[in-house]
């Protein structure tokens, strides 16, 4: 006789089993569930009694919930590709912010909801969704194609050395619903890249990371070539070049603030002169490019001081400061206290709480 009890508390039993035996098995199942709950409580309590330093959940609020959602979305491999083909039921994806997505629809129809707007999809179709967009995809039964999700950090690294990096970033940061004509022209080039990415994901070989990064860059180049630039030109004409340039500068700072880049190198990567970058930063942010870069470095130093148990000198070295005394002066200038004192004050004032991630 075989008995299977699943997590939904449903038991599949032969009909010939006596009713008393069924009742006894159900009671035993309930007792096991209760014991597992008590064991869970004991593990957490034990960790608390030992004084384990566990990570704290953020305070409730819209910003904290949004950051947690993005952190969950960004978890996992930097790029993931899913191939869907010929399902008998409609498919629905609810996509949280934190990862950019590309939908390649080769057959059937669907609807995408993004930025409070519904977009009708009819194969062949391409749709790019930036990481800031929360969206939902609904596809008909029998739909065939690919869904790619990728983190902003991976996109930035894949495109950092490309001569077209500035243009690629313009495409990546907005929703791009390609027209039917555009999709028909690009699908023949995009689909082989999707197959190559899927192959690397399923059977990674030597140099898999470089292969995936290179294929991602090729994919973005095809999307950039295909996407219409009319909306970009209209945006620049309406808002001016400053906001776009500053957004791209801050994105580069996020990527390279630990790499000791000079301001001249940032300007060269953006395709502008150092004076022009300085003027736009003053106009848009009321600060110089160097001040914006140093503030980001100070933020990173604060984060590392709180999260890492490394010596202050080692943290400074990891941020590009070869002289510990200079790192101390830099930190004190931006945070009005020394790195060591900042760490002690912040840790002593932080309340202790528990996180399942820190269980023994």
Protein backbone atom coordinates (compact mmCIF):
# COMPACT_ATOMS: atom_id res chain seq x y z
CA UNK A 1 0.00 0.00 0.00
CA UNK A 2 1.36 3.45 -0.99
CA UNK A 3 0.36 6.65 0.76
CA UNK A 4 1.31 10.12 -0.50
CA UNK A 5 0.81 13.25 1.59
CA UNK A 6 1.51 16.57 -0.13
CA UNK A 7 2.19 19.99 1.34
CA UNK A 8 -1.37 21.17 0.75
CA UNK A 9 -2.45 18.70 3.45
CA UNK A 10 -4.26 16.47 0.95
CA UNK A 11 -3.77 12.69 1.26
CA UNK A 12 -4.27 10.38 -1.68
CA UNK A 13 -5.30 7.03 -0.23
CA UNK A 14 -6.83 3.84 -1.59
CA UNK A 15 -10.58 3.87 -1.18
CA UNK A 16 -10.41 0.55 0.70
CA UNK A 17 -8.47 2.10 3.59
CA UNK A 18 -10.61 2.18 6.78
CA UNK A 19 -11.97 5.57 7.83
CA UNK A 20 -10.27 5.28 11.23
CA UNK A 21 -6.88 4.85 9.56
CA UNK A 22 -7.49 7.90 7.38
CA UNK A 23 -8.36 9.97 10.45
CA UNK A 24 -5.25 8.79 12.30
CA UNK A 25 -3.01 9.63 9.36
CA UNK A 26 -4.53 13.10 9.07
CA UNK A 27 -3.94 13.73 12.80
CA UNK A 28 -0.34 12.57 12.47
CA UNK A 29 0.16 14.92 9.53
CA UNK A 30 -1.16 17.86 11.57
CA UNK A 31 1.21 16.96 14.43
CA UNK A 32 4.18 16.91 12.05
CA UNK A 33 3.27 20.36 10.74
CA UNK A 34 2.98 21.71 14.30
CA UNK A 35 6.35 20.22 15.25
CA UNK A 36 8.01 21.75 12.19
CA UNK A 37 6.66 25.16 13.20
CA UNK A 38 8.02 24.76 16.73
CA UNK A 39 11.40 23.69 15.36
CA UNK A 40 11.48 26.79 13.15
CA UNK A 41 10.76 29.01 16.15
CA UNK A 42 13.48 27.27 18.18
CA UNK A 43 16.10 27.82 15.47
CA UNK A 44 15.38 31.55 15.33
CA UNK A 45 15.28 31.86 19.13
CA UNK A 46 18.58 30.00 19.40
CA UNK A 47 20.22 32.39 16.98
CA UNK A 48 18.94 35.32 19.02
CA UNK A 49 20.24 33.85 22.30
CA UNK A 50 23.68 33.32 20.79
CA UNK A 51 23.80 36.99 19.84
CA UNK A 52 24.31 36.27 16.15
CA UNK A 53 24.52 39.42 14.09
CA UNK A 54 21.73 39.05 11.57
CA UNK A 55 20.73 41.36 8.76
CA UNK A 56 17.79 43.64 9.39
CA UNK A 57 14.73 44.08 7.19
CA UNK A 58 14.20 47.66 6.09
CA UNK A 59 11.56 49.79 7.74
CA UNK A 60 8.13 49.67 6.20
CA UNK A 61 7.27 52.24 3.60
CA UNK A 62 6.96 52.69 -0.12
CA UNK A 63 10.66 53.28 -0.75
CA UNK A 64 11.75 50.29 1.34
CA UNK A 65 9.24 47.98 -0.34
CA UNK A 66 10.32 49.18 -3.75
CA UNK A 67 14.00 48.58 -2.93
CA UNK A 68 13.21 45.11 -1.59
CA UNK A 69 11.27 44.29 -4.75
CA UNK A 70 14.17 45.42 -6.93
CA UNK A 71 16.64 43.46 -4.84
CA UNK A 72 14.59 40.28 -5.27
CA UNK A 73 14.32 40.90 -9.00
CA UNK A 74 18.06 41.50 -9.33
CA UNK A 75 18.91 38.30 -7.44
CA UNK A 76 20.09 35.29 -9.39
CA UNK A 77 22.15 35.15 -12.58
CA UNK A 78 22.77 38.53 -14.23
CA UNK A 79 21.09 37.30 -17.41
CA UNK A 80 18.34 34.71 -17.75
CA UNK A 81 16.61 33.61 -20.93
CA UNK A 82 13.44 31.55 -21.17
CA UNK A 83 12.24 29.84 -24.34
CA UNK A 84 8.49 29.26 -24.50
CA UNK A 85 6.92 27.19 -27.25
CA UNK A 86 3.47 25.85 -28.08
CA UNK A 87 1.85 25.72 -24.66
CA UNK A 88 -1.77 24.60 -24.47
CA UNK A 89 -2.64 27.33 -21.96
CA UNK A 90 -2.20 31.12 -22.08
CA UNK A 91 0.94 32.42 -20.38
CA UNK A 92 1.17 35.31 -17.93
CA UNK A 93 4.29 36.89 -16.41
CA UNK A 94 4.14 39.51 -13.65
CA UNK A 95 7.47 41.32 -13.89
CA UNK A 96 8.71 43.42 -10.98
CA UNK A 97 11.16 46.29 -11.35
CA UNK A 98 14.88 45.62 -10.99
CA UNK A 99 15.64 43.88 -14.29
CA UNK A 100 15.34 44.93 -17.90
CA UNK A 101 13.39 42.56 -20.17
CA UNK A 102 13.23 41.77 -23.85
CA UNK A 103 10.28 39.86 -25.29
CA UNK A 104 10.80 38.19 -28.66
CA UNK A 105 7.42 36.91 -29.90
CA UNK A 106 7.63 34.61 -32.91
CA UNK A 107 4.02 33.45 -33.11
CA UNK A 108 0.49 34.27 -31.88
CA UNK A 109 -0.63 37.40 -30.02
CA UNK A 110 -0.45 38.95 -26.59
CA UNK A 111 -0.77 42.07 -24.44
CA UNK A 112 1.87 43.86 -22.39
CA UNK A 113 0.95 46.26 -19.60
CA UNK A 114 3.74 48.68 -18.71
CA UNK A 115 3.80 52.25 -17.32
CA UNK A 116 -0.01 52.15 -16.95
CA UNK A 117 -0.46 51.49 -20.68
CA UNK A 118 -1.56 48.35 -22.53
CA UNK A 119 0.40 47.42 -25.64
CA UNK A 120 -1.05 44.95 -28.14
CA UNK A 121 1.47 42.42 -29.45
CA UNK A 122 1.17 40.52 -32.72
CA UNK A 123 3.93 38.22 -33.96
CA UNK A 124 6.57 38.89 -35.03
CA UNK A 125 7.00 41.35 -32.16
CA UNK A 126 9.81 42.83 -30.09
CA UNK A 127 9.34 44.69 -26.81
CA UNK A 128 12.06 46.19 -24.60
CA UNK A 129 11.17 47.00 -20.97
CA UNK A 130 13.66 48.95 -18.80
CA UNK A 131 14.46 47.87 -15.27
CA UNK A 132 12.41 50.67 -13.72
CA UNK A 133 9.18 49.43 -15.33
CA UNK A 134 6.85 47.07 -13.49
CA UNK A 135 4.90 45.20 -16.13
CA UNK A 136 2.74 42.23 -17.01
CA UNK A 137 2.86 40.05 -20.11
CA UNK A 138 -0.09 37.92 -21.27
CA UNK A 139 0.34 35.67 -24.31
CA UNK A 140 -2.11 33.40 -26.10
CA UNK A 141 -1.92 29.62 -25.97
CA UNK A 142 0.54 28.33 -28.52
CA UNK A 143 2.74 31.43 -28.41
CA UNK A 144 6.39 30.83 -29.22
CA UNK A 145 9.40 33.01 -28.50
CA UNK A 146 11.93 34.14 -25.88
CA UNK A 147 11.84 36.24 -22.71
CA UNK A 148 15.18 37.65 -21.53
CA UNK A 149 15.75 39.34 -18.19
CA UNK A 150 19.02 41.10 -17.35
CA UNK A 151 20.36 43.33 -14.58
CA UNK A 152 21.38 46.95 -15.16
CA UNK A 153 24.88 46.24 -13.89
CA UNK A 154 25.42 43.49 -16.46
CA UNK A 155 24.07 45.72 -19.24
CA UNK A 156 26.39 48.54 -18.19
CA UNK A 157 29.42 46.25 -18.17
CA UNK A 158 28.50 44.66 -21.49
CA UNK A 159 28.25 48.05 -23.19
CA UNK A 160 30.93 50.03 -21.30
CA UNK A 161 33.66 49.65 -23.92
CA UNK A 162 31.43 49.98 -26.99
CA UNK A 163 31.82 53.11 -29.10
CA UNK A 164 28.01 53.29 -29.25
CA UNK A 165 27.58 53.02 -25.46
CA UNK A 166 25.86 56.42 -25.16
CA UNK A 167 23.30 55.52 -27.83
CA UNK A 168 22.70 52.07 -26.35
CA UNK A 169 21.98 53.57 -22.93
CA UNK A 170 19.34 55.82 -24.48
CA UNK A 171 17.51 52.76 -25.76
CA UNK A 172 17.93 50.74 -22.54
CA UNK A 173 16.37 53.31 -20.24
CA UNK A 174 12.94 53.57 -21.94
CA UNK A 175 10.10 51.29 -23.01
CA UNK A 176 10.60 50.45 -26.69
CA UNK A 177 7.55 48.90 -28.42
CA UNK A 178 8.95 48.08 -31.86
CA UNK A 179 6.56 48.48 -34.78
CA UNK A 180 5.52 45.44 -36.80
CA UNK A 181 7.75 46.54 -39.67
CA UNK A 182 10.73 47.02 -37.36
CA UNK A 183 10.19 43.65 -35.71
CA UNK A 184 9.96 41.83 -39.05
CA UNK A 185 13.26 43.35 -40.11
CA UNK A 186 15.08 42.52 -36.86
CA UNK A 187 13.66 39.13 -35.88
CA UNK A 188 15.97 37.22 -38.24
CA UNK A 189 19.01 38.77 -36.51
CA UNK A 190 17.69 38.66 -32.94
CA UNK A 191 16.47 35.04 -32.87
CA UNK A 192 19.90 33.42 -33.49
CA UNK A 193 21.36 35.51 -30.67
CA UNK A 194 18.58 34.28 -28.36
CA UNK A 195 19.37 30.69 -29.32
CA UNK A 196 23.07 31.27 -28.61
CA UNK A 197 22.29 32.79 -25.18
CA UNK A 198 20.00 29.87 -24.34
CA UNK A 199 22.72 27.39 -25.33
CA UNK A 200 25.29 29.13 -23.11
CA UNK A 201 22.82 29.16 -20.23
CA UNK A 202 21.97 25.48 -20.52
CA UNK A 203 25.48 24.14 -21.27
CA UNK A 204 28.03 26.79 -20.29
CA UNK A 205 31.51 26.17 -21.65
CA UNK A 206 34.82 27.90 -21.18
CA UNK A 207 34.48 31.66 -21.39
CA UNK A 208 30.71 31.49 -20.94
CA UNK A 209 30.52 34.88 -19.21
CA UNK A 210 32.40 36.58 -22.04
CA UNK A 211 30.26 34.80 -24.64
CA UNK A 212 27.04 35.90 -22.92
CA UNK A 213 28.33 39.47 -22.55
CA UNK A 214 29.32 39.60 -26.23
CA UNK A 215 25.99 38.18 -27.41
CA UNK A 216 24.18 40.70 -25.19
CA UNK A 217 26.11 43.56 -26.77
CA UNK A 218 25.23 42.26 -30.25
CA UNK A 219 21.59 42.01 -29.24
CA UNK A 220 21.54 45.60 -27.98
CA UNK A 221 23.23 46.84 -31.13
CA UNK A 222 20.51 45.22 -33.25
CA UNK A 223 17.81 46.77 -31.06
CA UNK A 224 19.46 50.19 -31.29
CA UNK A 225 19.69 49.94 -35.08
CA UNK A 226 16.05 48.93 -35.29
CA UNK A 227 14.55 51.38 -32.79
CA UNK A 228 13.24 54.67 -34.09
CA UNK A 229 15.21 57.72 -32.96
CA UNK A 230 12.32 60.13 -33.47
CA UNK A 231 11.25 60.00 -29.84
CA UNK A 232 14.83 60.58 -28.67
CA UNK A 233 15.19 63.66 -30.86
CA UNK A 234 11.87 65.02 -29.60
CA UNK A 235 12.91 64.42 -25.99
CA UNK A 236 16.21 66.27 -26.44
CA UNK A 237 14.46 69.13 -28.24
CA UNK A 238 11.91 69.47 -25.43
CA UNK A 239 14.14 69.03 -22.36
CA UNK A 240 17.55 69.94 -23.70
CA UNK A 241 20.69 67.83 -23.67
CA UNK A 242 21.56 68.44 -20.02
CA UNK A 243 19.26 65.98 -18.21
CA UNK A 244 20.16 63.17 -20.60
CA UNK A 245 23.89 63.84 -20.31
CA UNK A 246 23.78 63.99 -16.51
CA UNK A 247 21.78 60.75 -16.32
CA UNK A 248 24.38 59.01 -18.46
CA UNK A 249 27.23 60.51 -16.42
CA UNK A 250 25.70 59.27 -13.17
CA UNK A 251 25.26 55.82 -14.69
CA UNK A 252 28.96 55.75 -15.59
CA UNK A 253 29.83 56.94 -12.07
CA UNK A 254 27.77 54.06 -10.66
CA UNK A 255 29.75 51.64 -12.79
CA UNK A 256 33.28 53.06 -12.43
CA UNK A 257 33.44 55.03 -9.16
CA UNK A 258 35.73 52.31 -7.71
CA UNK A 259 38.04 52.31 -10.74
CA UNK A 260 39.79 55.69 -10.17
CA UNK A 261 38.55 57.17 -13.45
CA UNK A 262 39.52 60.80 -14.03
CA UNK A 263 36.79 63.28 -14.99
CA UNK A 264 38.39 63.58 -18.42
CA UNK A 265 37.83 59.88 -18.99
CA UNK A 266 34.14 60.18 -18.07
CA UNK A 267 33.79 63.07 -20.52
CA UNK A 268 35.49 61.07 -23.28
CA UNK A 269 33.17 58.10 -22.66
CA UNK A 270 30.18 60.44 -22.97
CA UNK A 271 31.51 62.03 -26.14
CA UNK A 272 31.69 65.57 -24.71
CA UNK A 273 34.42 67.90 -23.52
CA UNK A 274 35.31 68.16 -19.85
CA UNK A 275 34.13 71.79 -19.78
CA UNK A 276 30.75 70.85 -21.24
CA UNK A 277 30.26 68.09 -18.68
CA UNK A 278 31.20 70.50 -15.89
CA UNK A 279 28.75 73.14 -17.15
CA UNK A 280 25.83 70.68 -17.34
CA UNK A 281 26.57 69.25 -13.89
CA UNK A 282 26.57 72.77 -12.45
CA UNK A 283 23.31 73.58 -14.20
CA UNK A 284 21.43 70.36 -13.41
CA UNK A 285 22.91 69.30 -10.05
CA UNK A 286 24.50 72.50 -8.70
CA UNK A 287 27.73 70.57 -8.20
CA UNK A 288 30.85 69.77 -10.16
CA UNK A 289 31.43 66.32 -11.72
CA UNK A 290 34.19 65.72 -9.18
CA UNK A 291 31.85 66.54 -6.28
CA UNK A 292 29.22 64.10 -7.60
CA UNK A 293 31.86 61.40 -8.00
CA UNK A 294 33.27 61.98 -4.51
CA UNK A 295 29.79 61.85 -2.95
CA UNK A 296 29.19 58.46 -4.57
CA UNK A 297 32.55 57.26 -3.23
CA UNK A 298 31.60 58.45 0.26
CA UNK A 299 28.29 56.58 0.05
CA UNK A 300 30.09 53.40 -0.98
CA UNK A 301 32.56 53.82 1.88
CA UNK A 302 29.69 54.13 4.37
CA UNK A 303 28.06 50.99 3.00
CA UNK A 304 31.25 48.96 3.23
CA UNK A 305 32.07 50.18 6.73
CA UNK A 306 28.70 48.96 7.96
CA UNK A 307 28.49 45.69 6.04
CA UNK A 308 32.10 44.46 6.09
CA UNK A 309 34.29 43.61 9.06
CA UNK A 310 37.46 44.62 7.23
CA UNK A 311 40.02 47.10 8.58
CA UNK A 312 39.41 50.71 7.59
CA UNK A 313 42.66 50.76 5.61
CA UNK A 314 41.57 47.76 3.53
CA UNK A 315 38.20 49.32 2.76
CA UNK A 316 39.91 52.49 1.60
CA UNK A 317 42.28 50.48 -0.57
CA UNK A 318 39.34 48.69 -2.18
CA UNK A 319 37.91 52.09 -3.14
CA UNK A 320 41.11 53.22 -4.82
CA UNK A 321 42.77 55.04 -1.89
CA UNK A 322 46.38 53.88 -1.67
CA UNK A 323 47.14 56.14 1.31
CA UNK A 324 45.11 55.33 4.47
CA UNK A 325 45.65 58.86 5.80
CA UNK A 326 44.18 60.35 2.61
CA UNK A 327 41.14 58.05 2.88
CA UNK A 328 40.60 59.24 6.46
CA UNK A 329 40.80 62.89 5.39
CA UNK A 330 38.50 62.26 2.42
CA UNK A 331 35.87 60.52 4.58
CA UNK A 332 36.03 63.14 7.32
CA UNK A 333 35.59 65.94 4.77
CA UNK A 334 32.39 64.34 3.43
CA UNK A 335 30.91 62.82 6.63
CA UNK A 336 32.35 65.11 9.33
CA UNK A 337 33.76 62.15 11.26
CA UNK A 338 36.46 59.51 10.88
CA UNK A 339 35.67 56.14 9.24
CA UNK A 340 36.32 54.17 12.43
CA UNK A 341 34.15 56.42 14.59
CA UNK A 342 31.39 56.37 11.95
CA UNK A 343 31.38 52.56 11.99
CA UNK A 344 31.21 52.36 15.79
CA UNK A 345 28.45 54.96 16.09
CA UNK A 346 26.26 53.45 13.38
CA UNK A 347 26.62 49.89 14.64
CA UNK A 348 25.98 50.83 18.27
CA UNK A 349 22.78 52.70 17.34
CA UNK A 350 21.43 49.99 15.03
CA UNK A 351 18.75 47.76 16.64
CA UNK A 352 19.27 44.00 16.42
CA UNK A 353 16.73 41.98 14.48
CA UNK A 354 16.57 38.69 12.65
CA UNK A 355 16.60 37.55 9.08
CA UNK A 356 16.02 34.04 7.76
CA UNK A 357 19.10 34.49 5.56
CA UNK A 358 21.34 34.26 8.62
CA UNK A 359 20.05 30.98 10.05
CA UNK A 360 22.78 28.56 11.13
